[in-house]
Amino acid sequence: MTWTGLNWLPGEGGDVPDRSVRAGEVNGKSVFIVRAKHEGATIPGKLVSGSSKAIVGYGGIEHSKSDYQVQCVVLITLRTLNYNYNIYNTNYFLNFNKRF
């Protein structure tokens, strides 16, 4: 079973991790979803490929941030595990076969 989700991975200086969420294009350049800290709050924003800083909007003004997090797709594959274990007691014996 494979589960797909979203996670935030660190980025800086224009770096974009693998599997980053692409939100669109501006002047032929990819735009990625980011978030960054500004005045104690975590604010969503954008990073245009080729730019060294992310942009977040706060108070009606765009602020440049060199430290940010990029939203990325995460794939998690769950495998079935089989195991046996025994519980012994002086009065009885239990044998469990579990499947996850």
N, C-alpha and C. Protein backbone atom coordinates (compact mmCIF):
# COMPACT_ATOMS: atom_id res chain seq x y z
N MET A 1 0.85 -1.17 0.00
CA MET A 1 0.00 0.00 0.00
C MET A 1 0.90 1.23 0.00
N THR A 2 0.59 2.17 -0.86
CA THR A 2 1.36 3.40 -0.92
C THR A 2 0.47 4.57 -0.53
N TRP A 3 1.00 5.41 0.34
CA TRP A 3 0.28 6.58 0.80
C TRP A 3 1.00 7.81 0.27
N THR A 4 0.24 8.75 -0.25
CA THR A 4 0.81 9.99 -0.75
C THR A 4 0.34 11.13 0.14
N GLY A 5 1.25 11.97 0.52
CA GLY A 5 0.90 13.11 1.36
C GLY A 5 1.81 14.29 1.04
N LEU A 6 1.62 15.34 1.79
CA LEU A 6 2.43 16.55 1.61
C LEU A 6 3.21 16.81 2.89
N ASN A 7 4.39 17.36 2.72
CA ASN A 7 5.24 17.68 3.85
C ASN A 7 6.05 18.93 3.50
N TRP A 8 6.59 19.57 4.50
CA TRP A 8 7.42 20.76 4.30
C TRP A 8 8.88 20.37 4.50
N LEU A 9 9.71 20.68 3.51
CA LEU A 9 11.14 20.40 3.61
C LEU A 9 11.91 21.72 3.55
N PRO A 10 13.03 21.81 4.29
CA PRO A 10 13.77 23.07 4.33
C PRO A 10 14.42 23.40 2.98
N GLY A 11 14.50 24.68 2.73
CA GLY A 11 15.20 25.18 1.54
C GLY A 11 15.84 26.51 1.89
N GLU A 12 16.83 26.89 1.10
CA GLU A 12 17.47 28.20 1.30
C GLU A 12 18.19 28.59 0.03
N GLY A 13 18.30 29.88 -0.18
CA GLY A 13 19.07 30.40 -1.30
C GLY A 13 18.57 30.00 -2.68
N GLY A 14 17.28 29.72 -2.81
CA GLY A 14 16.72 29.36 -4.11
C GLY A 14 16.66 27.87 -4.37
N ASP A 15 17.18 27.06 -3.43
CA ASP A 15 17.13 25.60 -3.59
C ASP A 15 15.70 25.09 -3.48
N VAL A 16 15.38 24.11 -4.32
CA VAL A 16 14.07 23.48 -4.31
C VAL A 16 14.29 21.97 -4.22
N PRO A 17 13.80 21.31 -3.15
CA PRO A 17 13.97 19.87 -3.02
C PRO A 17 13.24 19.10 -4.13
N ASP A 18 13.63 17.84 -4.31
CA ASP A 18 12.91 16.95 -5.24
C ASP A 18 11.46 16.83 -4.80
N ARG A 19 10.58 16.63 -5.74
CA ARG A 19 9.13 16.43 -5.52
C ARG A 19 8.46 17.68 -4.91
N SER A 20 9.02 18.86 -5.16
CA SER A 20 8.39 20.10 -4.69
C SER A 20 7.08 20.32 -5.44
N VAL A 21 6.12 20.94 -4.76
CA VAL A 21 4.83 21.22 -5.36
C VAL A 21 4.95 22.46 -6.24
N ARG A 22 4.70 22.26 -7.51
CA ARG A 22 4.75 23.37 -8.47
C ARG A 22 3.37 23.98 -8.58
N ALA A 23 3.26 25.29 -8.33
CA ALA A 23 1.96 25.96 -8.31
C ALA A 23 1.61 26.59 -9.64
N GLY A 24 2.58 26.72 -10.54
CA GLY A 24 2.30 27.34 -11.83
C GLY A 24 3.55 27.95 -12.42
N GLU A 25 3.33 28.95 -13.30
CA GLU A 25 4.44 29.62 -13.98
C GLU A 25 4.25 31.13 -13.97
N VAL A 26 5.39 31.83 -13.92
CA VAL A 26 5.41 33.28 -14.08
C VAL A 26 6.51 33.58 -15.09
N ASN A 27 6.16 34.19 -16.20
CA ASN A 27 7.13 34.51 -17.25
C ASN A 27 7.97 33.30 -17.66
N GLY A 28 7.31 32.13 -17.75
CA GLY A 28 7.99 30.90 -18.16
C GLY A 28 8.82 30.23 -17.09
N LYS A 29 8.80 30.76 -15.86
CA LYS A 29 9.56 30.16 -14.75
C LYS A 29 8.60 29.49 -13.78
N SER A 30 9.00 28.33 -13.25
CA SER A 30 8.17 27.59 -12.30
C SER A 30 8.03 28.34 -10.99
N VAL A 31 6.84 28.25 -10.40
CA VAL A 31 6.57 28.85 -9.09
C VAL A 31 6.25 27.72 -8.13
N PHE A 32 6.89 27.72 -6.96
CA PHE A 32 6.71 26.66 -5.96
C PHE A 32 6.06 27.22 -4.70
N ILE A 33 5.32 26.36 -4.00
CA ILE A 33 4.66 26.74 -2.75
C ILE A 33 5.67 26.66 -1.61
N VAL A 34 5.79 27.73 -0.85
CA VAL A 34 6.71 27.77 0.28
C VAL A 34 6.01 28.39 1.49
N ARG A 35 6.70 28.33 2.61
CA ARG A 35 6.29 29.07 3.80
C ARG A 35 7.56 29.52 4.51
N ALA A 36 7.44 30.63 5.22
CA ALA A 36 8.61 31.17 5.92
C ALA A 36 8.14 31.93 7.16
N LYS A 37 9.03 32.11 8.11
CA LYS A 37 8.74 32.87 9.33
C LYS A 37 8.88 34.36 9.05
N HIS A 38 7.90 35.10 9.58
CA HIS A 38 7.98 36.56 9.51
C HIS A 38 7.26 37.12 10.73
N GLU A 39 7.95 37.90 11.51
CA GLU A 39 7.41 38.50 12.73
C GLU A 39 6.73 37.46 13.63
N GLY A 40 7.38 36.30 13.78
CA GLY A 40 6.90 35.26 14.67
C GLY A 40 5.82 34.36 14.12
N ALA A 41 5.36 34.61 12.91
CA ALA A 41 4.31 33.80 12.31
C ALA A 41 4.87 33.04 11.10
N THR A 42 4.28 31.90 10.80
CA THR A 42 4.62 31.15 9.60
C THR A 42 3.65 31.56 8.51
N ILE A 43 4.17 32.12 7.43
CA ILE A 43 3.37 32.72 6.37
C ILE A 43 3.58 31.94 5.06
N PRO A 44 2.49 31.59 4.35
CA PRO A 44 2.65 30.95 3.05
C PRO A 44 3.17 31.94 2.02
N GLY A 45 3.85 31.40 1.01
CA GLY A 45 4.39 32.27 -0.02
C GLY A 45 4.75 31.50 -1.27
N LYS A 46 5.66 32.08 -2.06
CA LYS A 46 6.06 31.49 -3.33
C LYS A 46 7.56 31.61 -3.52
N LEU A 47 8.07 30.74 -4.37
CA LEU A 47 9.46 30.81 -4.78
C LEU A 47 9.47 30.63 -6.29
N VAL A 48 9.98 31.60 -7.00
CA VAL A 48 10.08 31.52 -8.46
C VAL A 48 11.44 30.93 -8.78
N SER A 49 11.46 29.89 -9.65
CA SER A 49 12.75 29.27 -9.98
C SER A 49 13.69 30.32 -10.56
N GLY A 50 14.95 30.22 -10.17
CA GLY A 50 15.96 31.19 -10.58
C GLY A 50 16.14 32.31 -9.57
N SER A 51 15.20 32.42 -8.62
CA SER A 51 15.31 33.44 -7.59
C SER A 51 16.05 32.85 -6.39
N SER A 52 16.79 33.67 -5.69
CA SER A 52 17.53 33.18 -4.52
C SER A 52 16.73 33.32 -3.22
N LYS A 53 15.54 33.94 -3.29
CA LYS A 53 14.74 34.15 -2.09
C LYS A 53 13.27 33.85 -2.34
N ALA A 54 12.62 33.39 -1.29
CA ALA A 54 11.18 33.18 -1.32
C ALA A 54 10.48 34.50 -1.00
N ILE A 55 9.25 34.61 -1.41
CA ILE A 55 8.45 35.81 -1.16
C ILE A 55 7.23 35.44 -0.34
N VAL A 56 7.01 36.13 0.79
CA VAL A 56 5.79 35.97 1.59
C VAL A 56 5.12 37.32 1.72
N GLY A 57 3.80 37.32 1.72
CA GLY A 57 3.06 38.56 1.88
C GLY A 57 2.62 38.75 3.32
N TYR A 58 2.86 39.92 3.87
CA TYR A 58 2.47 40.21 5.25
C TYR A 58 2.21 41.71 5.37
N GLY A 59 1.06 42.06 5.88
CA GLY A 59 0.72 43.47 6.06
C GLY A 59 0.62 44.23 4.75
N GLY A 60 0.23 43.53 3.68
CA GLY A 60 0.09 44.17 2.39
C GLY A 60 1.41 44.41 1.66
N ILE A 61 2.50 43.85 2.18
CA ILE A 61 3.83 44.03 1.60
C ILE A 61 4.45 42.66 1.35
N GLU A 62 5.18 42.51 0.23
CA GLU A 62 5.92 41.28 -0.04
C GLU A 62 7.28 41.36 0.65
N HIS A 63 7.63 40.29 1.37
CA HIS A 63 8.90 40.23 2.10
C HIS A 63 9.75 39.09 1.53
N SER A 64 11.02 39.34 1.28
CA SER A 64 11.96 38.33 0.77
C SER A 64 12.54 37.54 1.93
N LYS A 65 12.62 36.21 1.76
CA LYS A 65 13.15 35.34 2.81
C LYS A 65 14.15 34.36 2.20
N SER A 66 15.35 34.29 2.79
CA SER A 66 16.34 33.34 2.29
C SER A 66 16.19 31.97 2.95
N ASP A 67 15.61 31.90 4.14
CA ASP A 67 15.30 30.62 4.80
C ASP A 67 13.81 30.38 4.68
N TYR A 68 13.43 29.21 4.20
CA TYR A 68 12.02 28.91 3.96
C TYR A 68 11.83 27.40 3.94
N GLN A 69 10.61 26.96 3.85
CA GLN A 69 10.27 25.55 3.69
C GLN A 69 9.45 25.41 2.41
N VAL A 70 9.71 24.34 1.67
CA VAL A 70 9.03 24.10 0.40
C VAL A 70 8.07 22.93 0.59
N GLN A 71 6.85 23.08 0.08
CA GLN A 71 5.89 21.98 0.17
C GLN A 71 6.26 20.92 -0.86
N CYS A 72 6.35 19.67 -0.40
CA CYS A 72 6.77 18.56 -1.25
C CYS A 72 5.81 17.39 -1.12
N VAL A 73 5.72 16.60 -2.18
CA VAL A 73 4.94 15.37 -2.16
C VAL A 73 5.79 14.29 -1.50
N VAL A 74 5.19 13.56 -0.58
CA VAL A 74 5.87 12.48 0.13
C VAL A 74 5.16 11.18 -0.21
N LEU A 75 5.92 10.18 -0.59
CA LEU A 75 5.37 8.85 -0.86
C LEU A 75 5.85 7.90 0.22
N ILE A 76 4.91 7.24 0.87
CA ILE A 76 5.25 6.27 1.91
C ILE A 76 4.66 4.93 1.50
N THR A 77 5.49 3.92 1.41
CA THR A 77 5.03 2.59 1.05
C THR A 77 5.00 1.74 2.31
N LEU A 78 3.83 1.21 2.59
CA LEU A 78 3.65 0.33 3.75
C LEU A 78 3.67 -1.11 3.26
N ARG A 79 4.47 -1.92 3.92
CA ARG A 79 4.55 -3.33 3.55
C ARG A 79 3.83 -4.16 4.59
N THR A 80 3.33 -5.30 4.18
CA THR A 80 2.71 -6.24 5.10
C THR A 80 3.80 -6.97 5.86
N LEU A 81 3.68 -6.97 7.16
CA LEU A 81 4.63 -7.68 8.02
C LEU A 81 3.91 -8.84 8.69
N ASN A 82 4.51 -9.98 8.66
CA ASN A 82 3.97 -11.15 9.36
C ASN A 82 4.95 -11.54 10.47
N TYR A 83 4.42 -11.83 11.63
CA TYR A 83 5.28 -12.31 12.69
C TYR A 83 4.47 -13.17 13.65
N ASN A 84 5.16 -14.00 14.36
CA ASN A 84 4.55 -14.87 15.37
C ASN A 84 5.19 -14.55 16.71
N TYR A 85 4.39 -14.58 17.74
CA TYR A 85 4.95 -14.47 19.08
C TYR A 85 4.09 -15.29 20.04
N ASN A 86 4.71 -15.74 21.08
CA ASN A 86 4.05 -16.60 22.06
C ASN A 86 4.05 -15.91 23.42
N ILE A 87 2.94 -16.05 24.13
CA ILE A 87 2.85 -15.57 25.50
C ILE A 87 2.65 -16.79 26.39
N TYR A 88 3.53 -16.94 27.35
CA TYR A 88 3.45 -18.08 28.26
C TYR A 88 2.93 -17.64 29.62
N ASN A 89 2.10 -18.41 30.19
CA ASN A 89 1.61 -18.18 31.54
C ASN A 89 1.60 -19.53 32.24
N THR A 90 1.67 -19.54 33.54
CA THR A 90 1.69 -20.81 34.25
C THR A 90 0.40 -21.59 34.07
N ASN A 91 -0.71 -20.88 33.77
CA ASN A 91 -1.99 -21.57 33.64
C ASN A 91 -2.40 -21.88 32.21
N TYR A 92 -1.84 -21.17 31.26
CA TYR A 92 -2.26 -21.41 29.88
C TYR A 92 -1.19 -20.95 28.90
N PHE A 93 -1.36 -21.33 27.67
CA PHE A 93 -0.43 -21.00 26.59
C PHE A 93 -1.23 -20.32 25.48
N LEU A 94 -0.76 -19.17 25.03
CA LEU A 94 -1.41 -18.47 23.91
C LEU A 94 -0.42 -18.37 22.76
N ASN A 95 -0.89 -18.61 21.59
CA ASN A 95 -0.07 -18.45 20.39
C ASN A 95 -0.79 -17.48 19.47
N PHE A 96 -0.20 -16.31 19.24
CA PHE A 96 -0.80 -15.29 18.39
C PHE A 96 -0.11 -15.29 17.03
N ASN A 97 -0.88 -15.22 16.01
CA ASN A 97 -0.36 -15.00 14.66
C ASN A 97 -0.95 -13.69 14.20
N LYS A 98 -0.10 -12.69 14.02
CA LYS A 98 -0.55 -11.36 13.66
C LYS A 98 -0.18 -11.06 12.22
N ARG A 99 -1.03 -10.31 11.57
CA ARG A 99 -0.75 -9.82 10.23
C ARG A 99 -1.06 -8.33 10.20
N PHE A 100 -0.09 -7.53 9.79
CA PHE A 100 -0.27 -6.08 9.69
C PHE A 100 -0.21 -5.66 8.24
